[in-house]
Protein backbone atom coordinates (compact mmCIF):
# COMPACT_ATOMS: atom_id res chain seq x y z
CA MET A 1 210.84 -5.55 82.00
CA ALA A 2 207.88 -7.66 80.86
CA THR A 3 206.73 -10.68 82.80
CA PRO A 4 207.87 -13.90 81.07
CA ILE A 5 205.23 -15.97 79.29
CA ARG A 6 204.61 -19.10 81.35
CA ILE A 7 204.70 -22.42 79.51
CA LEU A 8 203.94 -25.82 81.01
CA LEU A 9 205.36 -28.75 79.04
CA GLN A 10 203.63 -31.85 80.32
CA THR A 11 203.39 -35.38 79.00
CA THR A 12 199.84 -36.47 78.25
CA ILE A 13 200.37 -40.11 79.11
CA PRO A 14 201.86 -41.71 82.23
CA ILE A 15 205.57 -42.52 82.32
CA VAL A 16 206.67 -45.69 80.52
CA ASP A 17 209.94 -46.99 81.97
CA ASP A 18 212.89 -46.52 79.61
CA ASP A 19 210.66 -44.90 77.02
CA TRP A 20 208.29 -42.00 77.62
CA THR A 21 209.10 -39.13 79.99
CA ILE A 22 209.26 -35.35 79.85
CA ASP A 23 212.99 -35.80 79.29
CA ARG A 24 212.21 -36.28 75.59
CA PHE A 25 211.36 -32.57 75.50
CA SER A 26 214.49 -31.33 77.27
CA LEU A 27 215.91 -29.67 74.14
CA LEU A 28 212.66 -27.81 73.52
CA ALA A 29 212.54 -26.64 77.15
CA LYS A 30 216.19 -25.56 77.02
CA TYR A 31 215.63 -23.67 73.76
CA LEU A 32 212.54 -21.84 75.05
CA ARG A 33 214.36 -20.90 78.27
CA SER A 34 217.27 -19.51 76.23
CA ILE A 35 215.17 -16.98 74.27
CA ARG A 36 215.75 -13.40 75.41
CA ASP A 37 214.15 -10.13 74.40
CA GLU A 38 216.10 -7.08 73.20
CA SER A 39 216.90 -6.07 76.80
CA GLY A 40 218.21 -9.54 77.65
CA ALA A 41 215.20 -10.57 79.76
CA GLN A 42 213.90 -14.11 79.59
CA VAL A 43 210.85 -14.36 77.28
CA TYR A 44 209.51 -17.75 78.48
CA GLU A 45 209.30 -19.29 81.94
CA VAL A 46 209.16 -23.03 81.26
CA THR A 47 207.98 -25.70 83.70
CA THR A 48 208.31 -29.36 82.72
CA ARG A 49 206.66 -32.34 84.33
CA ASN A 50 205.43 -35.84 83.73
CA ARG A 51 201.73 -36.51 83.99
CA ASP A 52 200.92 -37.96 87.40
CA ALA A 53 197.68 -39.95 87.17
CA ASN A 54 195.64 -41.45 89.99
CA ALA A 55 193.97 -44.90 89.90
CA GLN A 56 191.09 -43.47 87.83
CA GLY A 57 193.51 -41.97 85.31
CA ALA A 58 192.85 -38.33 86.29
CA ASP A 59 195.75 -35.90 86.46
CA VAL A 60 196.67 -35.61 90.16
CA GLN A 61 198.24 -32.15 90.10
CA GLY A 62 196.40 -30.51 87.25
CA VAL A 63 197.56 -27.45 85.34
CA THR A 64 196.12 -24.94 87.80
CA SER A 65 198.45 -26.16 90.55
CA PHE A 66 201.32 -24.64 88.55
CA PHE A 67 199.72 -21.44 87.31
CA PRO A 68 196.50 -20.81 89.25
CA PRO A 69 195.72 -17.30 87.96
CA PHE A 70 195.46 -18.44 84.33
CA ARG A 71 193.05 -20.25 82.06
CA TRP A 72 194.79 -22.43 79.47
CA ARG A 73 194.46 -23.08 75.76
CA SER A 74 195.31 -26.33 74.11
CA HIS A 75 198.80 -26.56 72.63
CA ARG A 76 197.02 -27.03 69.29
CA THR A 77 195.73 -23.46 69.31
CA SER A 78 198.64 -21.40 70.55
CA LEU A 79 202.15 -21.50 71.97
CA ARG A 80 201.14 -18.63 74.26
CA ALA A 81 199.10 -20.58 76.79
CA PRO A 82 197.86 -17.99 79.32
CA LEU A 83 194.83 -15.95 78.36
CA ALA A 84 194.67 -12.32 79.42
């Protein structure tokens, strides 16, 4: 069984009450989690979170807090985020 590809879906702006949250991407997350390979194993491990910014606007948790062994590509370059 192959290790699932890890995907972090994260908002790029802080939460706006009654408007902008990671919840807007719930269908995408659910769809990615539902994809199975020919043996029935999950293809993608999806983590979702809202951006949590400090007073200076920097991301408090950062991507590496979720997946420390990986370097990440921008979503603009590839759906497969972790580099080998």
